[in-house]
Amino acid sequence: MHREYPNKIAHVLDGDGDARPPRELTPAFYGCYDWHSSVHGHWLLVRLARLHPRAETAAASRAALARSLTAANLQGEAAYMQAPGRTSFERPYGLAWLLQLGAELREWDDPDARRWRQALAPTETLAAERIRDWLPKLTHPIRSGEHSQTAFAFGLILDWARRAGDGDMITLLEKRVADYYAADYDCPLRYEPSGQDFLSPCLAEADLLRRVRSPAAFADWLTGFLPGIPADGSAQWLEPAVVTDPTDGKLVHLDGLNLSRAWMLEGIASGLPADDDRRHALLAAAAVHRASGLAAVTGVTYEGGHWLGTFATYLITGRGVDASTAP
């Protein structure tokens, strides 16, 4: 959590003073190679410490969180984000994970968690404001398989908004989801994945729509959107991706794709009526992707080791389904 190097800084420099080490620029989230990985690494520690308070890692997790999530450090984060030229900083992926961290702390009835949540609050508010300011101006969704994708980020943000009771954000997101995605059909899953995806554009969109539609309405929409889902329970309709070089920081993204596909497939299945025949094929494909993805979470290489644990935890603990509230 506090391994400062190697570190990939991506920010606008307004002068020589901005050429500083990561620990000074972003004093809470400077480890884990890049800012967003550090943020969701903190989410990982909070989630596991909350769900498994007697695990042998719990004390070390709390110590790491206490070191990072101080009021002073998080004031530094807010100051960094508000500097000129950083309006689009970590938008939407990193901001979405920061809100997920806030959601996880909100669900933890613990004195330390309450203190950390209070310290995080100004940065959490700023992240939400950045999303609120951006969405009315975003004329089209972003359908990439990497950090810029809107569907995956919207799912994280919507789950946070429901936990935070932010009705304005819920209304805004639901409107933009309808604007961007409601009329979509025949998503070209056959074109996926691109060579360095860690998110599926098609599955992430479906996993988002099931958050805002009733099971019957979602089932109808899914028929037009992914018409190739079989009703025979087969897993062969969607094969896991294969990583040819786990030391390549971009190629190893495909290990994360297998993990995220698994939880998205499970989420899609959870949004369908219980008697929908497609559920069996969705869950069969999820199981194959789960096995492939988890086998890659070894920590042997830093390129995957600094972030795949978060994806594995999100999958294994069922966060995407657990955090979602059906309409």
C-alpha atoms as a PDB file:
ATOM      1  CA  MET A   1       0.000   0.000   0.000  1.00  0.00           C
ATOM      2  CA  HIS A   2       2.889   2.384   0.583  1.00  0.00           C
ATOM      3  CA  ARG A   3       5.352   1.188  -2.024  1.00  0.00           C
ATOM      4  CA  GLU A   4       6.055   4.460  -3.790  1.00  0.00           C
ATOM      5  CA  TYR A   5       8.030   3.190  -6.780  1.00  0.00           C
ATOM      6  CA  PRO A   6       7.616   2.268  -9.587  1.00  0.00           C
ATOM      7  CA  ASN A   7       5.028   4.987  -9.998  1.00  0.00           C
ATOM      8  CA  LYS A   8       3.187   6.337 -13.016  1.00  0.00           C
ATOM      9  CA  ILE A   9       2.220   9.969 -12.499  1.00  0.00           C
ATOM     10  CA  ALA A  10      -0.222  11.432 -15.003  1.00  0.00           C
ATOM     11  CA  HIS A  11      -0.960  15.059 -14.312  1.00  0.00           C
ATOM     12  CA  VAL A  12      -0.708  18.564 -15.668  1.00  0.00           C
ATOM     13  CA  LEU A  13       2.328  20.504 -14.477  1.00  0.00           C
ATOM     14  CA  ASP A  14       1.702  24.216 -13.961  1.00  0.00           C
ATOM     15  CA  GLY A  15       5.266  24.933 -12.906  1.00  0.00           C
ATOM     16  CA  ASP A  16       8.494  23.474 -11.541  1.00  0.00           C
ATOM     17  CA  GLY A  17       6.840  23.020  -8.166  1.00  0.00           C
ATOM     18  CA  ASP A  18       4.599  20.316  -9.583  1.00  0.00           C
ATOM     19  CA  ALA A  19       7.602  18.086 -10.338  1.00  0.00           C
ATOM     20  CA  ARG A  20       7.540  16.405  -6.944  1.00  0.00           C
ATOM     21  CA  PRO A  21       7.561  12.807  -5.672  1.00  0.00           C
ATOM     22  CA  PRO A  22       4.222  10.972  -5.483  1.00  0.00           C
ATOM     23  CA  ARG A  23       4.085  10.972  -1.674  1.00  0.00           C
ATOM     24  CA  GLU A  24       4.062  14.781  -1.721  1.00  0.00           C
ATOM     25  CA  LEU A  25       1.643  15.209  -4.616  1.00  0.00           C
ATOM     26  CA  THR A  26      -1.008  12.767  -3.363  1.00  0.00           C
ATOM     27  CA  PRO A  27      -0.141  11.949   0.255  1.00  0.00           C
ATOM     28  CA  ALA A  28      -2.896   9.365   0.821  1.00  0.00           C
ATOM     29  CA  PHE A  29      -2.903   7.543  -2.521  1.00  0.00           C
ATOM     30  CA  TYR A  30       0.660   7.433  -3.799  1.00  0.00           C
ATOM     31  CA  GLY A  31       1.433   3.703  -3.685  1.00  0.00           C
ATOM     32  CA  CYS A  32       0.411   0.850  -5.972  1.00  0.00           C
ATOM     33  CA  TYR A  33       1.978   2.259  -9.161  1.00  0.00           C
ATOM     34  CA  ASP A  34      -0.829   4.711  -9.985  1.00  0.00           C
ATOM     35  CA  TRP A  35      -3.439   6.740  -8.159  1.00  0.00           C
ATOM     36  CA  HIS A  36      -6.513   4.677  -9.007  1.00  0.00           C
ATOM     37  CA  SER A  37      -4.799   1.405  -8.068  1.00  0.00           C
ATOM     38  CA  SER A  38      -3.872   2.898  -4.716  1.00  0.00           C
ATOM     39  CA  VAL A  39      -7.451   4.031  -4.169  1.00  0.00           C
ATOM     40  CA  HIS A  40      -9.006   0.678  -4.945  1.00  0.00           C
ATOM     41  CA  GLY A  41      -6.245  -1.047  -2.979  1.00  0.00           C
ATOM     42  CA  HIS A  42      -7.496   0.866   0.050  1.00  0.00           C
ATOM     43  CA  TRP A  43     -11.027  -0.240  -0.834  1.00  0.00           C
ATOM     44  CA  LEU A  44      -9.772  -3.840  -0.852  1.00  0.00           C
ATOM     45  CA  LEU A  45      -8.316  -3.510   2.661  1.00  0.00           C
ATOM     46  CA  VAL A  46     -11.485  -1.901   3.997  1.00  0.00           C
ATOM     47  CA  ARG A  47     -13.698  -4.562   2.468  1.00  0.00           C
ATOM     48  CA  LEU A  48     -11.673  -7.515   3.738  1.00  0.00           C
ATOM     49  CA  ALA A  49     -11.167  -6.028   7.199  1.00  0.00           C
ATOM     50  CA  ARG A  50     -14.899  -5.335   7.422  1.00  0.00           C
ATOM     51  CA  LEU A  51     -16.005  -8.759   6.221  1.00  0.00           C
ATOM     52  CA  HIS A  52     -13.251 -10.742   7.976  1.00  0.00           C
ATOM     53  CA  PRO A  53     -12.314  -8.847  11.142  1.00  0.00           C
ATOM     54  CA  ARG A  54     -10.539 -11.866  12.667  1.00  0.00           C
ATOM     55  CA  ALA A  55      -8.382 -12.655   9.640  1.00  0.00           C
ATOM     56  CA  GLU A  56      -4.640 -12.641  10.189  1.00  0.00           C
ATOM     57  CA  THR A  57      -4.334  -9.688   7.810  1.00  0.00           C
ATOM     58  CA  ALA A  58      -6.893  -7.505   9.603  1.00  0.00           C
ATOM     59  CA  ALA A  59      -4.480  -5.761  11.986  1.00  0.00           C
ATOM     60  CA  ALA A  60      -2.008  -4.934   9.198  1.00  0.00           C
ATOM     61  CA  SER A  61      -4.869  -3.680   7.046  1.00  0.00           C
ATOM     62  CA  ARG A  62      -6.073  -1.351   9.773  1.00  0.00           C
ATOM     63  CA  ALA A  63      -2.552  -0.052  10.337  1.00  0.00           C
ATOM     64  CA  ALA A  64      -2.112   0.694   6.627  1.00  0.00           C
ATOM     65  CA  LEU A  65      -5.485   2.424   6.447  1.00  0.00           C
ATOM     66  CA  ALA A  66      -4.715   4.502   9.538  1.00  0.00           C
ATOM     67  CA  ARG A  67      -1.431   5.583   7.967  1.00  0.00           C
ATOM     68  CA  SER A  68      -3.122   6.727   4.753  1.00  0.00           C
ATOM     69  CA  LEU A  69      -6.569   8.001   5.686  1.00  0.00           C
ATOM     70  CA  THR A  70      -5.656  10.922   7.922  1.00  0.00           C
ATOM     71  CA  ALA A  71      -7.385  14.266   7.680  1.00  0.00           C
ATOM     72  CA  ALA A  72      -4.123  15.947   6.655  1.00  0.00           C
ATOM     73  CA  ASN A  73      -3.385  13.435   3.903  1.00  0.00           C
ATOM     74  CA  LEU A  74      -6.873  13.657   2.480  1.00  0.00           C
ATOM     75  CA  GLN A  75      -6.838  17.446   2.598  1.00  0.00           C
ATOM     76  CA  GLY A  76      -3.714  17.126   0.473  1.00  0.00           C
ATOM     77  CA  GLU A  77      -5.602  14.915  -1.963  1.00  0.00           C
ATOM     78  CA  ALA A  78      -8.409  17.448  -2.291  1.00  0.00           C
ATOM     79  CA  ALA A  79      -5.927  20.278  -2.822  1.00  0.00           C
ATOM     80  CA  TYR A  80      -4.176  18.271  -5.531  1.00  0.00           C
ATOM     81  CA  MET A  81      -7.430  17.542  -7.361  1.00  0.00           C
ATOM     82  CA  GLN A  82      -8.491  21.188  -7.261  1.00  0.00           C
ATOM     83  CA  ALA A  83      -5.287  22.566  -8.782  1.00  0.00           C
ATOM     84  CA  PRO A  84      -5.559  24.171 -12.249  1.00  0.00           C
ATOM     85  CA  GLY A  85      -5.638  21.755 -15.163  1.00  0.00           C
ATOM     86  CA  ARG A  86      -6.900  18.749 -13.204  1.00  0.00           C
ATOM     87  CA  THR A  87     -10.629  18.926 -13.842  1.00  0.00           C
ATOM     88  CA  SER A  88     -10.538  15.587 -15.673  1.00  0.00           C
ATOM     89  CA  PHE A  89      -8.112  13.904 -13.256  1.00  0.00           C
ATOM     90  CA  GLU A  90      -8.925  10.184 -12.931  1.00  0.00           C
ATOM     91  CA  ARG A  91     -12.330  10.678 -14.516  1.00  0.00           C
ATOM     92  CA  PRO A  92     -14.283   8.447 -14.408  1.00  0.00           C
ATOM     93  CA  TYR A  93     -12.435   5.307 -13.252  1.00  0.00           C
ATOM     94  CA  GLY A  94     -10.411   6.623 -10.321  1.00  0.00           C
ATOM     95  CA  LEU A  95     -13.210   8.869  -9.090  1.00  0.00           C
ATOM     96  CA  ALA A  96     -15.638   5.939  -9.214  1.00  0.00           C
ATOM     97  CA  TRP A  97     -13.317   3.806  -7.090  1.00  0.00           C
ATOM     98  CA  LEU A  98     -12.887   6.650  -4.612  1.00  0.00           C
ATOM     99  CA  LEU A  99     -16.665   6.770  -4.211  1.00  0.00           C
ATOM    100  CA  GLN A 100     -16.701   2.977  -3.787  1.00  0.00           C
ATOM    101  CA  LEU A 101     -14.168   3.402  -0.980  1.00  0.00           C
ATOM    102  CA  GLY A 102     -16.565   5.862   0.593  1.00  0.00           C
ATOM    103  CA  ALA A 103     -19.445   3.416   0.202  1.00  0.00           C
ATOM    104  CA  GLU A 104     -17.487   0.628   1.872  1.00  0.00           C
ATOM    105  CA  LEU A 105     -16.602   2.845   4.829  1.00  0.00           C
ATOM    106  CA  ARG A 106     -20.253   3.878   5.178  1.00  0.00           C
ATOM    107  CA  GLU A 107     -21.232   0.222   5.588  1.00  0.00           C
ATOM    108  CA  TRP A 108     -18.641  -0.503   8.283  1.00  0.00           C
ATOM    109  CA  ASP A 109     -19.951   0.061  11.803  1.00  0.00           C
ATOM    110  CA  ASP A 110     -16.575   0.620  13.429  1.00  0.00           C
ATOM    111  CA  PRO A 111     -14.970   3.587  15.259  1.00  0.00           C
ATOM    112  CA  ASP A 112     -11.915   3.622  12.991  1.00  0.00           C
ATOM    113  CA  ALA A 113     -14.077   3.410   9.886  1.00  0.00           C
ATOM    114  CA  ARG A 114     -16.177   6.341  11.058  1.00  0.00           C
ATOM    115  CA  ARG A 115     -13.037   8.428  11.568  1.00  0.00           C
ATOM    116  CA  TRP A 116     -11.662   7.471   8.146  1.00  0.00           C
ATOM    117  CA  ARG A 117     -15.027   8.187   6.520  1.00  0.00           C
ATOM    118  CA  GLN A 118     -15.089  11.645   8.072  1.00  0.00           C
ATOM    119  CA  ALA A 119     -11.559  12.335   6.834  1.00  0.00           C
ATOM    120  CA  LEU A 120     -12.452  11.115   3.342  1.00  0.00           C
ATOM    121  CA  ALA A 121     -15.676  13.145   3.146  1.00  0.00           C
ATOM    122  CA  PRO A 122     -14.289  16.326   1.488  1.00  0.00           C
ATOM    123  CA  THR A 123     -12.501  14.320  -1.210  1.00  0.00           C
ATOM    124  CA  GLU A 124     -15.566  12.114  -1.659  1.00  0.00           C
ATOM    125  CA  THR A 125     -17.727  15.221  -2.106  1.00  0.00           C
ATOM    126  CA  LEU A 126     -15.289  16.638  -4.623  1.00  0.00           C
ATOM    127  CA  ALA A 127     -15.275  13.419  -6.632  1.00  0.00           C
ATOM    128  CA  ALA A 128     -19.077  13.392  -6.748  1.00  0.00           C
ATOM    129  CA  GLU A 129     -19.137  17.052  -7.820  1.00  0.00           C
ATOM    130  CA  ARG A 130     -16.724  16.290 -10.658  1.00  0.00           C
ATOM    131  CA  ILE A 131     -19.037  13.575 -11.945  1.00  0.00           C
ATOM    132  CA  ARG A 132     -22.113  15.783 -11.552  1.00  0.00           C
ATOM    133  CA  ASP A 133     -20.491  18.618 -13.489  1.00  0.00           C
ATOM    134  CA  TRP A 134     -19.264  16.325 -16.254  1.00  0.00           C
ATOM    135  CA  LEU A 135     -22.274  14.164 -17.087  1.00  0.00           C
ATOM    136  CA  PRO A 136     -24.601  16.879 -18.447  1.00  0.00           C
ATOM    137  CA  LYS A 137     -21.818  17.853 -20.866  1.00  0.00           C
ATOM    138  CA  LEU A 138     -20.902  14.303 -21.963  1.00  0.00           C
ATOM    139  CA  THR A 139     -22.774  13.879 -25.242  1.00  0.00           C
ATOM    140  CA  HIS A 140     -21.898  10.222 -25.839  1.00  0.00           C
ATOM    141  CA  PRO A 141     -20.929   7.253 -23.646  1.00  0.00           C
ATOM    142  CA  ILE A 142     -17.330   6.056 -23.653  1.00  0.00           C
ATOM    143  CA  ARG A 143     -17.248   2.447 -24.809  1.00  0.00           C
ATOM    144  CA  SER A 144     -13.596   1.514 -24.302  1.00  0.00           C
ATOM    145  CA  GLY A 145     -12.330  -1.558 -22.467  1.00  0.00           C
ATOM    146  CA  GLU A 146     -10.028   0.410 -20.191  1.00  0.00           C
ATOM    147  CA  HIS A 147     -10.160   3.234 -17.632  1.00  0.00           C
ATOM    148  CA  SER A 148     -12.231   5.694 -19.644  1.00  0.00           C
ATOM    149  CA  GLN A 149     -15.249   3.386 -19.961  1.00  0.00           C
ATOM    150  CA  THR A 150     -18.402   4.974 -18.592  1.00  0.00           C
ATOM    151  CA  ALA A 151     -20.608   1.888 -18.057  1.00  0.00           C
ATOM    152  CA  PHE A 152     -18.409   0.275 -15.408  1.00  0.00           C
ATOM    153  CA  ALA A 153     -17.770   3.570 -13.625  1.00  0.00           C
ATOM    154  CA  PHE A 154     -21.482   4.385 -13.620  1.00  0.00           C
ATOM    155  CA  GLY A 155     -22.198   1.074 -11.890  1.00  0.00           C
ATOM    156  CA  LEU A 156     -19.732   1.863  -9.096  1.00  0.00           C
ATOM    157  CA  ILE A 157     -21.030   5.405  -8.748  1.00  0.00           C
ATOM    158  CA  LEU A 158     -24.684   4.361  -8.731  1.00  0.00           C
ATOM    159  CA  ASP A 159     -24.006   1.773  -6.031  1.00  0.00           C
ATOM    160  CA  TRP A 160     -22.268   4.495  -3.990  1.00  0.00           C
ATOM    161  CA  ALA A 161     -25.110   6.981  -4.512  1.00  0.00           C
ATOM    162  CA  ARG A 162     -27.669   4.488  -3.232  1.00  0.00           C
ATOM    163  CA  ARG A 163     -25.586   3.837  -0.123  1.00  0.00           C
ATOM    164  CA  ALA A 164     -24.968   7.549   0.419  1.00  0.00           C
ATOM    165  CA  GLY A 165     -28.603   8.476  -0.172  1.00  0.00           C
ATOM    166  CA  ASP A 166     -27.603  10.935  -2.901  1.00  0.00           C
ATOM    167  CA  GLY A 167     -30.911  11.231  -4.718  1.00  0.00           C
ATOM    168  CA  ASP A 168     -29.675  13.895  -7.121  1.00  0.00           C
ATOM    169  CA  MET A 169     -26.815  11.671  -8.304  1.00  0.00           C
ATOM    170  CA  ILE A 170     -29.172   8.699  -8.680  1.00  0.00           C
ATOM    171  CA  THR A 171     -31.561  10.749 -10.795  1.00  0.00           C
ATOM    172  CA  LEU A 172     -28.758  12.155 -12.944  1.00  0.00           C
ATOM    173  CA  LEU A 173     -27.176   8.748 -13.531  1.00  0.00           C
ATOM    174  CA  GLU A 174     -30.460   7.044 -14.340  1.00  0.00           C
ATOM    175  CA  LYS A 175     -31.243   9.746 -16.892  1.00  0.00           C
ATOM    176  CA  ARG A 176     -27.834   9.526 -18.520  1.00  0.00           C
ATOM    177  CA  VAL A 177     -27.959   5.727 -18.568  1.00  0.00           C
ATOM    178  CA  ALA A 178     -31.261   5.955 -20.436  1.00  0.00           C
ATOM    179  CA  ASP A 179     -29.870   8.572 -22.814  1.00  0.00           C
ATOM    180  CA  TYR A 180     -26.704   6.639 -23.577  1.00  0.00           C
ATOM    181  CA  TYR A 181     -27.758   3.016 -23.524  1.00  0.00           C
ATOM    182  CA  ALA A 182     -31.512   2.367 -23.549  1.00  0.00           C
ATOM    183  CA  ALA A 183     -31.774   2.134 -27.344  1.00  0.00           C
ATOM    184  CA  ASP A 184     -28.678  -0.043 -27.825  1.00  0.00           C
ATOM    185  CA  TYR A 185     -29.072  -3.409 -29.541  1.00  0.00           C
ATOM    186  CA  ASP A 186     -26.947  -6.246 -30.937  1.00  0.00           C
ATOM    187  CA  CYS A 187     -23.792  -5.344 -29.037  1.00  0.00           C
ATOM    188  CA  PRO A 188     -20.798  -6.773 -30.978  1.00  0.00           C
ATOM    189  CA  LEU A 189     -19.492  -9.126 -28.303  1.00  0.00           C
ATOM    190  CA  ARG A 190     -17.793 -11.023 -31.145  1.00  0.00           C
ATOM    191  CA  TYR A 191     -15.351  -8.092 -31.458  1.00  0.00           C
ATOM    192  CA  GLU A 192     -14.201  -8.458 -27.861  1.00  0.00           C
ATOM    193  CA  PRO A 193     -11.732  -8.378 -26.355  1.00  0.00           C
ATOM    194  CA  SER A 194      -9.359  -5.781 -27.635  1.00  0.00           C
ATOM    195  CA  GLY A 195      -5.765  -6.696 -26.887  1.00  0.00           C
ATOM    196  CA  GLN A 196      -5.425  -4.820 -23.614  1.00  0.00           C
ATOM    197  CA  ASP A 197      -8.969  -4.650 -22.258  1.00  0.00           C
ATOM    198  CA  PHE A 198      -9.668  -5.241 -18.588  1.00  0.00           C
ATOM    199  CA  LEU A 199     -13.359  -4.386 -18.940  1.00  0.00           C
ATOM    200  CA  SER A 200     -15.915  -5.677 -21.432  1.00  0.00           C
ATOM    201  CA  PRO A 201     -17.851  -2.837 -23.102  1.00  0.00           C
ATOM    202  CA  CYS A 202     -20.841  -5.089 -23.828  1.00  0.00           C
ATOM    203  CA  LEU A 203     -21.041  -6.938 -20.507  1.00  0.00           C
ATOM    204  CA  ALA A 204     -20.380  -3.809 -18.451  1.00  0.00           C
ATOM    205  CA  GLU A 205     -23.271  -2.059 -20.156  1.00  0.00           C
ATOM    206  CA  ALA A 206     -25.610  -4.959 -19.459  1.00  0.00           C
ATOM    207  CA  ASP A 207     -24.397  -5.147 -15.853  1.00  0.00           C
ATOM    208  CA  LEU A 208     -25.213  -1.458 -15.528  1.00  0.00           C
ATOM    209  CA  LEU A 209     -28.690  -1.685 -17.071  1.00  0.00           C
ATOM    210  CA  ARG A 210     -29.756  -4.469 -14.711  1.00  0.00           C
ATOM    211  CA  ARG A 211     -29.162  -1.976 -11.884  1.00  0.00           C
ATOM    212  CA  VAL A 212     -31.838   0.394 -13.181  1.00  0.00           C
ATOM    213  CA  ARG A 213     -34.494  -1.921 -14.638  1.00  0.00           C
ATOM    214  CA  SER A 214     -36.925  -4.416 -13.209  1.00  0.00           C
ATOM    215  CA  PRO A 215     -36.131  -8.076 -14.033  1.00  0.00           C
ATOM    216  CA  ALA A 216     -38.841  -8.269 -16.682  1.00  0.00           C
ATOM    217  CA  ALA A 217     -37.829  -5.016 -18.373  1.00  0.00           C
ATOM    218  CA  PHE A 218     -34.160  -5.926 -18.201  1.00  0.00           C
ATOM    219  CA  ALA A 219     -34.854  -9.352 -19.744  1.00  0.00           C
ATOM    220  CA  ASP A 220     -36.591  -7.703 -22.704  1.00  0.00           C
ATOM    221  CA  TRP A 221     -33.764  -5.216 -23.208  1.00  0.00           C
ATOM    222  CA  LEU A 222     -31.113  -7.939 -22.952  1.00  0.00           C
ATOM    223  CA  THR A 223     -32.793  -9.983 -25.689  1.00  0.00           C
ATOM    224  CA  GLY A 224     -32.114  -7.220 -28.172  1.00  0.00           C
ATOM    225  CA  PHE A 225     -28.769  -6.195 -26.742  1.00  0.00           C
ATOM    226  CA  LEU A 226     -27.066  -9.604 -26.497  1.00  0.00           C
ATOM    227  CA  PRO A 227     -29.173 -11.916 -28.667  1.00  0.00           C
ATOM    228  CA  GLY A 228     -26.459 -14.580 -28.761  1.00  0.00           C
ATOM    229  CA  ILE A 229     -26.727 -15.719 -25.139  1.00  0.00           C
ATOM    230  CA  PRO A 230     -27.715 -19.392 -25.417  1.00  0.00           C
ATOM    231  CA  ALA A 231     -30.539 -21.033 -23.512  1.00  0.00           C
ATOM    232  CA  ASP A 232     -28.831 -24.441 -23.292  1.00  0.00           C
ATOM    233  CA  GLY A 233     -26.580 -23.694 -20.303  1.00  0.00           C
ATOM    234  CA  SER A 234     -23.396 -23.802 -22.359  1.00  0.00           C
ATOM    235  CA  ALA A 235     -20.249 -21.868 -21.374  1.00  0.00           C
ATOM    236  CA  GLN A 236     -18.630 -22.072 -24.818  1.00  0.00           C
ATOM    237  CA  TRP A 237     -20.277 -18.932 -26.159  1.00  0.00           C
ATOM    238  CA  LEU A 238     -17.713 -16.769 -24.341  1.00  0.00           C
ATOM    239  CA  GLU A 239     -14.141 -17.991 -23.952  1.00  0.00           C
ATOM    240  CA  PRO A 240     -11.705 -16.544 -21.376  1.00  0.00           C
ATOM    241  CA  ALA A 241      -8.876 -14.360 -22.662  1.00  0.00           C
ATOM    242  CA  VAL A 242      -5.281 -15.626 -22.540  1.00  0.00           C
ATOM    243  CA  VAL A 243      -2.322 -13.546 -21.341  1.00  0.00           C
ATOM    244  CA  THR A 244       0.853 -14.301 -23.293  1.00  0.00           C
ATOM    245  CA  ASP A 245       3.207 -12.203 -21.141  1.00  0.00           C
ATOM    246  CA  PRO A 246       2.204 -11.397 -17.542  1.00  0.00           C
ATOM    247  CA  THR A 247       5.202  -9.072 -17.170  1.00  0.00           C
ATOM    248  CA  ASP A 248       3.736  -6.707 -19.762  1.00  0.00           C
ATOM    249  CA  GLY A 249       1.636  -4.154 -17.902  1.00  0.00           C
ATOM    250  CA  LYS A 250      -0.849  -3.773 -20.762  1.00  0.00           C
ATOM    251  CA  LEU A 251      -1.139  -7.391 -21.887  1.00  0.00           C
ATOM    252  CA  VAL A 252      -1.802  -8.508 -18.313  1.00  0.00           C
ATOM    253  CA  HIS A 253      -4.993  -6.449 -18.446  1.00  0.00           C
ATOM    254  CA  LEU A 254      -6.639  -9.545 -19.926  1.00  0.00           C
ATOM    255  CA  ASP A 255      -6.320 -11.353 -16.585  1.00  0.00           C
ATOM    256  CA  GLY A 256      -8.400  -8.550 -15.100  1.00  0.00           C
ATOM    257  CA  LEU A 257     -10.849  -8.891 -17.971  1.00  0.00           C
ATOM    258  CA  ASN A 258     -11.520 -12.503 -17.027  1.00  0.00           C
ATOM    259  CA  LEU A 259     -12.232 -11.438 -13.453  1.00  0.00           C
ATOM    260  CA  SER A 260     -14.464  -8.513 -14.399  1.00  0.00           C
ATOM    261  CA  ARG A 261     -16.311 -10.577 -16.985  1.00  0.00           C
ATOM    262  CA  ALA A 262     -17.034 -13.139 -14.265  1.00  0.00           C
ATOM    263  CA  TRP A 263     -18.666 -10.637 -11.919  1.00  0.00           C
ATOM    264  CA  MET A 264     -20.503  -8.897 -14.751  1.00  0.00           C
ATOM    265  CA  LEU A 265     -21.934 -12.208 -15.987  1.00  0.00           C
ATOM    266  CA  GLU A 266     -23.043 -13.008 -12.442  1.00  0.00           C
ATOM    267  CA  GLY A 267     -24.560  -9.538 -12.145  1.00  0.00           C
ATOM    268  CA  ILE A 268     -26.443  -9.893 -15.432  1.00  0.00           C
ATOM    269  CA  ALA A 269     -27.807 -13.269 -14.306  1.00  0.00           C
ATOM    270  CA  SER A 270     -28.918 -11.751 -10.994  1.00  0.00           C
ATOM    271  CA  GLY A 271     -30.919  -9.108 -12.835  1.00  0.00           C
ATOM    272  CA  LEU A 272     -33.019 -11.606 -14.817  1.00  0.00           C
ATOM    273  CA  PRO A 273     -36.196 -13.348 -13.685  1.00  0.00           C
ATOM    274  CA  ALA A 274     -35.477 -16.596 -11.847  1.00  0.00           C
ATOM    275  CA  ASP A 275     -37.028 -18.678 -14.637  1.00  0.00           C
ATOM    276  CA  ASP A 276     -35.042 -17.072 -17.477  1.00  0.00           C
ATOM    277  CA  ASP A 277     -33.234 -19.873 -19.328  1.00  0.00           C
ATOM    278  CA  ARG A 278     -30.257 -17.631 -20.130  1.00  0.00           C
ATOM    279  CA  ARG A 279     -29.205 -17.556 -16.503  1.00  0.00           C
ATOM    280  CA  HIS A 280     -27.594 -21.006 -16.799  1.00  0.00           C
ATOM    281  CA  ALA A 281     -25.343 -19.998 -19.700  1.00  0.00           C
ATOM    282  CA  LEU A 282     -24.427 -16.730 -18.027  1.00  0.00           C
ATOM    283  CA  LEU A 283     -23.421 -18.479 -14.808  1.00  0.00           C
ATOM    284  CA  ALA A 284     -21.578 -21.243 -16.675  1.00  0.00           C
ATOM    285  CA  ALA A 285     -19.492 -18.659 -18.546  1.00  0.00           C
ATOM    286  CA  ALA A 286     -18.950 -16.770 -15.293  1.00  0.00           C
ATOM    287  CA  ALA A 287     -17.576 -19.910 -13.627  1.00  0.00           C
ATOM    288  CA  VAL A 288     -15.065 -20.509 -16.426  1.00  0.00           C
ATOM    289  CA  HIS A 289     -13.899 -16.896 -16.348  1.00  0.00           C
ATOM    290  CA  ARG A 290     -13.732 -16.932 -12.551  1.00  0.00           C
ATOM    291  CA  ALA A 291     -11.442 -19.966 -12.555  1.00  0.00           C
ATOM    292  CA  SER A 292      -9.178 -18.522 -15.232  1.00  0.00           C
ATOM    293  CA  GLY A 293      -9.000 -15.099 -13.636  1.00  0.00           C
ATOM    294  CA  LEU A 294      -8.344 -16.281 -10.093  1.00  0.00           C
ATOM    295  CA  ALA A 295      -5.574 -18.598 -11.260  1.00  0.00           C
ATOM    296  CA  ALA A 296      -3.688 -15.503 -12.418  1.00  0.00           C
ATOM    297  CA  VAL A 297      -3.851 -13.728  -9.045  1.00  0.00           C
ATOM    298  CA  THR A 298      -0.457 -14.860  -7.820  1.00  0.00           C
ATOM    299  CA  GLY A 299       1.435 -11.660  -7.053  1.00  0.00           C
ATOM    300  CA  VAL A 300       4.437 -13.069  -8.927  1.00  0.00           C
ATOM    301  CA  THR A 301       4.670  -9.998 -11.157  1.00  0.00           C
ATOM    302  CA  TYR A 302       4.135  -6.428 -10.037  1.00  0.00           C
ATOM    303  CA  GLU A 303       2.420  -5.598 -13.326  1.00  0.00           C
ATOM    304  CA  GLY A 304      -0.607  -7.650 -12.294  1.00  0.00           C
ATOM    305  CA  GLY A 305       0.046  -7.933  -8.587  1.00  0.00           C
ATOM    306  CA  HIS A 306      -0.613  -4.298  -7.757  1.00  0.00           C
ATOM    307  CA  TRP A 307      -4.264  -4.416  -8.911  1.00  0.00           C
ATOM    308  CA  LEU A 308      -5.600  -7.906  -9.659  1.00  0.00           C
ATOM    309  CA  GLY A 309      -6.248  -8.546  -5.957  1.00  0.00           C
ATOM    310  CA  THR A 310      -8.888  -5.822  -5.986  1.00  0.00           C
ATOM    311  CA  PHE A 311     -10.655  -7.388  -8.952  1.00  0.00           C
ATOM    312  CA  ALA A 312     -10.486 -10.816  -7.305  1.00  0.00           C
ATOM    313  CA  THR A 313     -11.946  -9.425  -4.070  1.00  0.00           C
ATOM    314  CA  TYR A 314     -14.724  -7.590  -5.890  1.00  0.00           C
ATOM    315  CA  LEU A 315     -15.618 -10.883  -7.583  1.00  0.00           C
ATOM    316  CA  ILE A 316     -15.268 -13.317  -4.675  1.00  0.00           C
ATOM    317  CA  THR A 317     -17.153 -11.160  -2.183  1.00  0.00           C
ATOM    318  CA  GLY A 318     -19.963 -10.468  -4.651  1.00  0.00           C
ATOM    319  CA  ARG A 319     -19.671  -6.728  -4.257  1.00  0.00           C
ATOM    320  CA  GLY A 320     -21.341  -5.850  -7.543  1.00  0.00           C
ATOM    321  CA  VAL A 321     -24.493  -7.778  -6.666  1.00  0.00           C
ATOM    322  CA  ASP A 322     -24.337  -7.107  -2.942  1.00  0.00           C
ATOM    323  CA  ALA A 323     -24.080  -3.332  -3.420  1.00  0.00           C
ATOM    324  CA  SER A 324     -26.844  -3.004  -5.993  1.00  0.00           C
ATOM    325  CA  THR A 325     -30.400  -2.210  -5.127  1.00  0.00           C
ATOM    326  CA  ALA A 326     -33.052  -3.364  -7.576  1.00  0.00           C
ATOM    327  CA  PRO A 327     -35.456  -0.629  -8.712  1.00  0.00           C
END
